[in-house]
Structure formats: C-alpha cells, structure tokens
N, C-alpha and C. Protein backbone atom coordinates (compact mmCIF):
# COMPACT_ATOMS: atom_id res chain seq x y z
N UNK A 1 133.31 152.72 116.10
CA UNK A 1 133.58 151.31 115.93
C UNK A 1 133.95 150.65 117.26
N UNK A 2 134.83 151.35 118.02
CA UNK A 2 135.25 150.80 119.30
C UNK A 2 134.06 150.64 120.26
N UNK A 3 133.19 151.65 120.27
CA UNK A 3 132.03 151.62 121.16
C UNK A 3 131.10 150.47 120.79
N UNK A 4 130.90 150.22 119.50
CA UNK A 4 130.04 149.13 119.05
C UNK A 4 130.64 147.78 119.42
N UNK A 5 131.94 147.64 119.25
CA UNK A 5 132.61 146.38 119.60
C UNK A 5 132.52 146.13 121.10
N UNK A 6 132.72 147.18 121.89
CA UNK A 6 132.64 147.04 123.35
C UNK A 6 131.22 146.66 123.78
N UNK A 7 130.22 147.30 123.20
CA UNK A 7 128.83 146.98 123.51
C UNK A 7 128.50 145.55 123.12
N UNK A 8 128.96 145.13 121.94
CA UNK A 8 128.73 143.77 121.48
C UNK A 8 129.40 142.75 122.40
N UNK A 9 130.63 143.04 122.81
CA UNK A 9 131.36 142.13 123.71
C UNK A 9 130.66 142.03 125.06
N UNK A 10 130.23 143.18 125.60
CA UNK A 10 129.54 143.17 126.89
C UNK A 10 128.23 142.40 126.81
N UNK A 11 127.50 142.56 125.72
CA UNK A 11 126.25 141.83 125.53
C UNK A 11 126.50 140.34 125.44
N UNK A 12 127.55 139.95 124.74
CA UNK A 12 127.90 138.53 124.59
C UNK A 12 128.25 137.91 125.95
N UNK A 13 129.07 138.62 126.72
CA UNK A 13 129.46 138.11 128.05
C UNK A 13 128.23 138.00 128.95
N UNK A 14 127.37 139.01 128.93
CA UNK A 14 126.16 138.98 129.76
C UNK A 14 125.26 137.82 129.38
N UNK A 15 125.11 137.56 128.08
CA UNK A 15 124.22 136.50 127.61
C UNK A 15 124.72 135.12 128.00
N UNK A 16 126.03 134.96 128.11
CA UNK A 16 126.59 133.65 128.43
C UNK A 16 126.91 133.47 129.91
N UNK A 17 126.69 134.50 130.70
CA UNK A 17 127.01 134.43 132.12
C UNK A 17 126.19 133.34 132.79
N UNK A 18 126.83 132.61 133.69
CA UNK A 18 126.15 131.56 134.45
C UNK A 18 125.54 132.20 135.69
N UNK A 19 124.26 131.93 135.98
CA UNK A 19 123.65 132.51 137.17
C UNK A 19 124.39 132.10 138.44
N UNK A 20 124.46 132.99 139.39
CA UNK A 20 125.11 132.69 140.67
C UNK A 20 124.32 131.63 141.42
N UNK A 21 125.01 130.75 142.08
CA UNK A 21 124.38 129.69 142.85
C UNK A 21 124.38 130.07 144.32
N UNK A 22 123.30 129.79 145.00
CA UNK A 22 123.20 130.06 146.44
C UNK A 22 124.05 129.07 147.21
N UNK A 23 124.44 129.45 148.43
CA UNK A 23 125.19 128.54 149.29
C UNK A 23 124.27 127.43 149.76
N UNK A 24 124.70 126.20 149.60
CA UNK A 24 123.93 125.07 150.10
C UNK A 24 122.69 124.77 149.29
N UNK A 25 122.01 123.75 149.70
CA UNK A 25 120.80 123.29 149.02
C UNK A 25 119.62 123.54 149.95
N UNK A 26 118.61 124.24 149.48
CA UNK A 26 117.46 124.59 150.31
C UNK A 26 116.38 123.51 150.27
N UNK A 27 116.76 122.27 150.05
CA UNK A 27 115.83 121.15 150.05
C UNK A 27 115.53 120.74 151.49
N UNK A 28 114.26 120.57 151.85
CA UNK A 28 113.93 120.15 153.22
C UNK A 28 114.57 118.80 153.57
N UNK A 29 115.16 118.74 154.75
CA UNK A 29 115.78 117.50 155.22
C UNK A 29 114.92 116.81 156.28
N UNK A 30 113.96 117.54 156.87
CA UNK A 30 113.18 117.02 157.98
C UNK A 30 111.67 117.06 157.72
N UNK A 31 111.28 117.38 156.49
CA UNK A 31 109.86 117.38 156.14
C UNK A 31 109.15 118.69 156.38
N UNK A 32 109.91 119.78 156.53
CA UNK A 32 109.29 121.07 156.81
C UNK A 32 109.48 122.07 155.70
N UNK A 33 109.48 123.35 156.08
CA UNK A 33 109.66 124.46 155.15
C UNK A 33 111.01 125.10 155.45
N UNK A 34 111.78 125.37 154.39
CA UNK A 34 113.16 125.85 154.54
C UNK A 34 113.28 127.31 154.14
N UNK A 35 114.07 128.05 154.93
CA UNK A 35 114.48 129.41 154.60
C UNK A 35 115.97 129.53 154.91
N UNK A 36 116.68 130.34 154.13
CA UNK A 36 118.10 130.57 154.36
C UNK A 36 118.30 132.03 154.75
N UNK A 37 119.00 132.24 155.88
CA UNK A 37 119.31 133.57 156.38
C UNK A 37 120.76 133.55 156.86
N UNK A 38 121.56 134.51 156.40
CA UNK A 38 122.97 134.63 156.82
C UNK A 38 123.73 133.32 156.66
N UNK A 39 123.59 132.68 155.54
CA UNK A 39 124.27 131.42 155.23
C UNK A 39 123.87 130.26 156.14
N UNK A 40 122.84 130.42 156.94
CA UNK A 40 122.32 129.32 157.75
C UNK A 40 120.97 128.91 157.18
N UNK A 41 120.74 127.61 157.15
CA UNK A 41 119.47 127.07 156.66
C UNK A 41 118.61 126.72 157.86
N UNK A 42 117.38 127.24 157.87
CA UNK A 42 116.43 126.98 158.95
C UNK A 42 115.25 126.21 158.37
N UNK A 43 114.87 125.13 159.04
CA UNK A 43 113.73 124.33 158.59
C UNK A 43 112.72 124.22 159.72
N UNK A 44 111.52 124.74 159.48
CA UNK A 44 110.45 124.70 160.47
C UNK A 44 109.55 123.51 160.18
N UNK A 45 109.37 122.66 161.19
CA UNK A 45 108.59 121.43 161.04
C UNK A 45 107.47 121.44 162.08
N UNK A 46 106.22 121.36 161.61
CA UNK A 46 105.08 121.26 162.52
C UNK A 46 105.05 119.86 163.12
N UNK A 47 104.82 119.79 164.42
CA UNK A 47 104.78 118.50 165.12
C UNK A 47 103.62 118.51 166.11
N UNK A 48 103.16 117.33 166.51
CA UNK A 48 102.11 117.30 167.53
C UNK A 48 102.61 117.99 168.81
N UNK A 49 101.84 118.93 169.30
CA UNK A 49 102.22 119.61 170.54
C UNK A 49 103.22 120.74 170.37
N UNK A 50 103.56 121.09 169.14
CA UNK A 50 104.51 122.19 168.96
C UNK A 50 105.14 122.21 167.58
N UNK A 51 106.35 122.73 167.55
CA UNK A 51 107.09 122.82 166.29
C UNK A 51 108.57 122.65 166.58
N UNK A 52 109.31 122.21 165.58
CA UNK A 52 110.75 122.07 165.68
C UNK A 52 111.40 122.95 164.63
N UNK A 53 112.50 123.59 165.00
CA UNK A 53 113.28 124.40 164.08
C UNK A 53 114.67 123.80 164.01
N UNK A 54 115.04 123.32 162.83
CA UNK A 54 116.35 122.72 162.61
C UNK A 54 117.28 123.74 161.97
N UNK A 55 118.55 123.75 162.41
CA UNK A 55 119.54 124.70 161.91
C UNK A 55 120.66 123.93 161.23
N UNK A 56 120.94 124.31 159.97
CA UNK A 56 121.97 123.64 159.18
C UNK A 56 122.91 124.71 158.64
N UNK A 57 124.22 124.46 158.76
CA UNK A 57 125.24 125.38 158.28
C UNK A 57 126.03 124.72 157.17
N UNK A 58 125.85 125.19 155.93
CA UNK A 58 126.53 124.64 154.76
C UNK A 58 126.41 123.12 154.67
N UNK A 59 125.21 122.62 154.85
CA UNK A 59 124.95 121.20 154.70
C UNK A 59 125.23 120.35 155.92
N UNK A 60 125.76 120.95 156.97
CA UNK A 60 126.08 120.21 158.20
C UNK A 60 125.21 120.71 159.34
N UNK A 61 124.71 119.80 160.19
CA UNK A 61 123.91 120.24 161.34
C UNK A 61 124.71 121.21 162.21
N UNK A 62 124.10 122.33 162.56
CA UNK A 62 124.75 123.32 163.42
C UNK A 62 124.45 122.99 164.88
N UNK A 63 125.38 123.33 165.76
CA UNK A 63 125.17 123.10 167.18
C UNK A 63 124.19 124.16 167.71
N UNK A 64 123.01 123.73 168.08
CA UNK A 64 121.97 124.66 168.56
C UNK A 64 121.89 124.69 170.08
N UNK A 65 122.84 124.07 170.77
CA UNK A 65 122.76 123.96 172.23
C UNK A 65 122.81 125.32 172.93
N UNK A 66 123.46 126.32 172.34
CA UNK A 66 123.55 127.64 172.96
C UNK A 66 122.60 128.65 172.30
N UNK A 67 121.77 128.17 171.40
CA UNK A 67 120.81 129.05 170.72
C UNK A 67 119.48 129.07 171.47
N UNK A 68 118.69 130.04 171.18
CA UNK A 68 117.35 130.15 171.75
C UNK A 68 116.58 131.16 170.93
N UNK A 69 115.43 131.54 171.42
CA UNK A 69 114.67 132.56 170.70
C UNK A 69 113.19 132.46 170.92
N UNK A 70 112.45 132.90 169.93
CA UNK A 70 110.99 132.97 170.03
C UNK A 70 110.39 132.64 168.68
N UNK A 71 109.26 131.93 168.69
CA UNK A 71 108.52 131.60 167.48
C UNK A 71 107.13 132.21 167.60
N UNK A 72 106.76 133.02 166.62
CA UNK A 72 105.43 133.64 166.55
C UNK A 72 104.73 133.05 165.34
N UNK A 73 103.50 132.54 165.55
CA UNK A 73 102.74 131.92 164.46
C UNK A 73 101.42 132.65 164.29
N UNK A 74 101.11 132.99 163.05
CA UNK A 74 99.83 133.61 162.71
C UNK A 74 99.01 132.62 161.90
N UNK A 75 97.97 132.07 162.52
CA UNK A 75 97.02 131.18 161.85
C UNK A 75 95.77 132.02 161.60
N UNK A 76 95.65 132.57 160.40
CA UNK A 76 94.54 133.48 160.12
C UNK A 76 94.68 134.72 160.98
N UNK A 77 93.72 134.97 161.86
CA UNK A 77 93.78 136.14 162.75
C UNK A 77 94.29 135.76 164.14
N UNK A 78 94.58 134.48 164.35
CA UNK A 78 95.03 134.00 165.66
C UNK A 78 96.55 134.01 165.74
N UNK A 79 97.07 134.69 166.77
CA UNK A 79 98.51 134.78 166.97
C UNK A 79 98.90 134.01 168.22
N UNK A 80 99.90 133.13 168.09
CA UNK A 80 100.43 132.40 169.24
C UNK A 80 101.94 132.55 169.25
N UNK A 81 102.51 132.46 170.45
CA UNK A 81 103.95 132.60 170.63
C UNK A 81 104.47 131.52 171.55
N UNK A 82 105.73 131.14 171.33
CA UNK A 82 106.38 130.17 172.20
C UNK A 82 107.88 130.40 172.17
N UNK A 83 108.53 130.05 173.25
CA UNK A 83 109.99 130.14 173.31
C UNK A 83 110.61 129.01 172.50
N UNK A 84 111.71 129.32 171.82
CA UNK A 84 112.49 128.29 171.13
C UNK A 84 113.60 127.87 172.08
N UNK A 85 113.64 126.57 172.40
CA UNK A 85 114.62 126.05 173.36
C UNK A 85 115.41 124.91 172.73
N UNK A 86 116.70 124.81 173.06
CA UNK A 86 117.52 123.71 172.52
C UNK A 86 116.91 122.36 172.87
N UNK A 87 116.92 121.46 171.88
CA UNK A 87 116.35 120.12 172.08
C UNK A 87 117.33 119.04 171.63
N UNK A 88 118.60 119.37 171.60
CA UNK A 88 119.62 118.40 171.21
C UNK A 88 120.03 118.56 169.76
N UNK A 89 121.32 118.45 169.52
CA UNK A 89 121.84 118.55 168.16
C UNK A 89 121.58 119.90 167.54
N UNK A 90 120.97 119.88 166.36
CA UNK A 90 120.71 121.12 165.62
C UNK A 90 119.25 121.55 165.72
N UNK A 91 118.59 121.14 166.78
CA UNK A 91 117.14 121.35 166.89
C UNK A 91 116.76 122.28 168.03
N UNK A 92 115.81 123.17 167.73
CA UNK A 92 115.17 124.02 168.73
C UNK A 92 113.69 123.68 168.73
N UNK A 93 113.09 123.56 169.91
CA UNK A 93 111.67 123.22 170.01
C UNK A 93 110.85 124.39 170.55
N UNK A 94 109.64 124.51 170.02
CA UNK A 94 108.64 125.47 170.52
C UNK A 94 107.43 124.64 170.94
N UNK A 95 107.22 124.53 172.24
CA UNK A 95 106.13 123.69 172.77
C UNK A 95 104.83 124.47 172.85
N UNK A 96 103.72 123.74 172.67
CA UNK A 96 102.39 124.30 172.86
C UNK A 96 101.94 125.26 171.78
N UNK A 97 102.50 125.15 170.62
CA UNK A 97 102.15 126.05 169.52
C UNK A 97 101.61 125.22 168.37
N UNK A 98 100.65 125.76 167.63
CA UNK A 98 100.08 125.04 166.48
C UNK A 98 100.49 125.76 165.20
N UNK A 99 101.13 125.01 164.30
CA UNK A 99 101.54 125.55 163.00
C UNK A 99 100.70 124.85 161.95
N UNK A 100 99.61 125.49 161.54
CA UNK A 100 98.71 124.89 160.57
C UNK A 100 99.07 125.24 159.14
N UNK A 101 98.43 124.53 158.21
CA UNK A 101 98.64 124.81 156.79
C UNK A 101 98.17 126.23 156.49
N UNK A 102 98.98 126.97 155.76
CA UNK A 102 98.66 128.35 155.43
C UNK A 102 99.10 129.36 156.47
N UNK A 103 99.67 128.88 157.58
CA UNK A 103 100.11 129.78 158.65
C UNK A 103 101.37 130.53 158.22
N UNK A 104 101.57 131.67 158.85
CA UNK A 104 102.81 132.44 158.71
C UNK A 104 103.53 132.34 160.04
N UNK A 105 104.84 132.13 159.98
CA UNK A 105 105.62 132.01 161.21
C UNK A 105 106.86 132.89 161.12
N UNK A 106 107.22 133.46 162.25
CA UNK A 106 108.42 134.28 162.34
C UNK A 106 109.23 133.76 163.52
N UNK A 107 110.45 133.31 163.22
CA UNK A 107 111.35 132.83 164.26
C UNK A 107 112.43 133.88 164.48
N UNK A 108 112.64 134.25 165.74
CA UNK A 108 113.77 135.09 166.10
C UNK A 108 114.76 134.18 166.81
N UNK A 109 115.94 134.03 166.22
CA UNK A 109 116.93 133.09 166.74
C UNK A 109 118.10 133.87 167.31
N UNK A 110 118.39 133.62 168.59
CA UNK A 110 119.52 134.24 169.27
C UNK A 110 120.69 133.27 169.27
N UNK A 111 121.85 133.79 168.84
CA UNK A 111 123.08 132.99 168.81
C UNK A 111 124.13 133.68 169.66
N UNK A 112 124.96 132.92 170.37
CA UNK A 112 125.97 133.56 171.22
C UNK A 112 126.98 134.35 170.37
N UNK A 113 127.24 135.59 170.79
CA UNK A 113 128.24 136.41 170.12
C UNK A 113 127.83 136.92 168.75
N UNK A 114 126.55 136.84 168.42
CA UNK A 114 126.08 137.29 167.10
C UNK A 114 124.74 137.99 167.26
N UNK A 115 124.42 138.78 166.26
CA UNK A 115 123.13 139.48 166.27
C UNK A 115 122.00 138.48 166.06
N UNK A 116 120.83 138.73 166.64
CA UNK A 116 119.69 137.83 166.43
C UNK A 116 119.30 137.79 164.95
N UNK A 117 118.81 136.64 164.52
CA UNK A 117 118.35 136.46 163.14
C UNK A 117 116.83 136.34 163.14
N UNK A 118 116.19 136.93 162.15
CA UNK A 118 114.75 136.82 161.97
C UNK A 118 114.50 135.99 160.72
N UNK A 119 113.74 134.91 160.89
CA UNK A 119 113.47 133.99 159.78
C UNK A 119 111.95 133.91 159.60
N UNK A 120 111.49 134.14 158.38
CA UNK A 120 110.04 134.14 158.08
C UNK A 120 109.68 132.91 157.26
N UNK A 121 108.57 132.28 157.64
CA UNK A 121 108.10 131.07 156.97
C UNK A 121 106.65 131.23 156.55
N UNK A 122 106.30 130.66 155.41
CA UNK A 122 104.91 130.49 154.97
C UNK A 122 104.68 128.99 154.87
N UNK A 123 103.78 128.48 155.68
CA UNK A 123 103.58 127.03 155.74
C UNK A 123 102.60 126.56 154.68
C-alpha cells in the first residue's frame, strides 16, 4: 500500500511540475540569429561587408570592449574566416566575411579572465 501511494504521489508531482525556464529571452534584438552559451546571449547579424556579433548578459548589453575572437562561416563547401574585433558597446565585428542564408557559423569568443566560448549558428 505504501509503495502504491508513493508511486501515485510521485506521478502526480511529476505531471504537475512546471517546466524549467531558461535564463533570459532568446528573442533576436538586432535582426539576427540568437544562441545562448554560459548564460550569455549571442546574436549573429549578417551585414554588408561582414557580420556583427552582439553579446547580451541577462537582458543587458555586455561590455565587449575587451572581447575578441574568430568567426568561421561555411557557405556550402566554401569556408571563410575573420577576426572578431570590438566595435563599441556590446558588438564585435567580423569584416570581409559573407554570411548567406543557410550558412553555418562558428564564433570563438575570448573573454578576459575566462575560458573561450564556442557559439554555433545556423543562418
């Protein structure tokens, strides 16, 4: 009897459990594609002459002035790379790179005093 009651109670609690919510909202703020890694939100935006990577920490723009890294883009079988450089505020720019529809992109972001982060995007 005790085992049945315990099983029934556990099933009831499981059925009514509220799903866990992720930190922040992964809605694009700059018109790009969003990924969340280590509680930071990264948004990759294709632009004429390159791409911009915006960094947001819990809904607030993160200071990207000391960040850097590399952006690798795969457009079909064509691979291009560019350095990610601070461009003011929460933005890193990759110049001379083309991010087309259907492309895959991998950003490696270096932060001071922290391990590099790898962020993957499907455009």
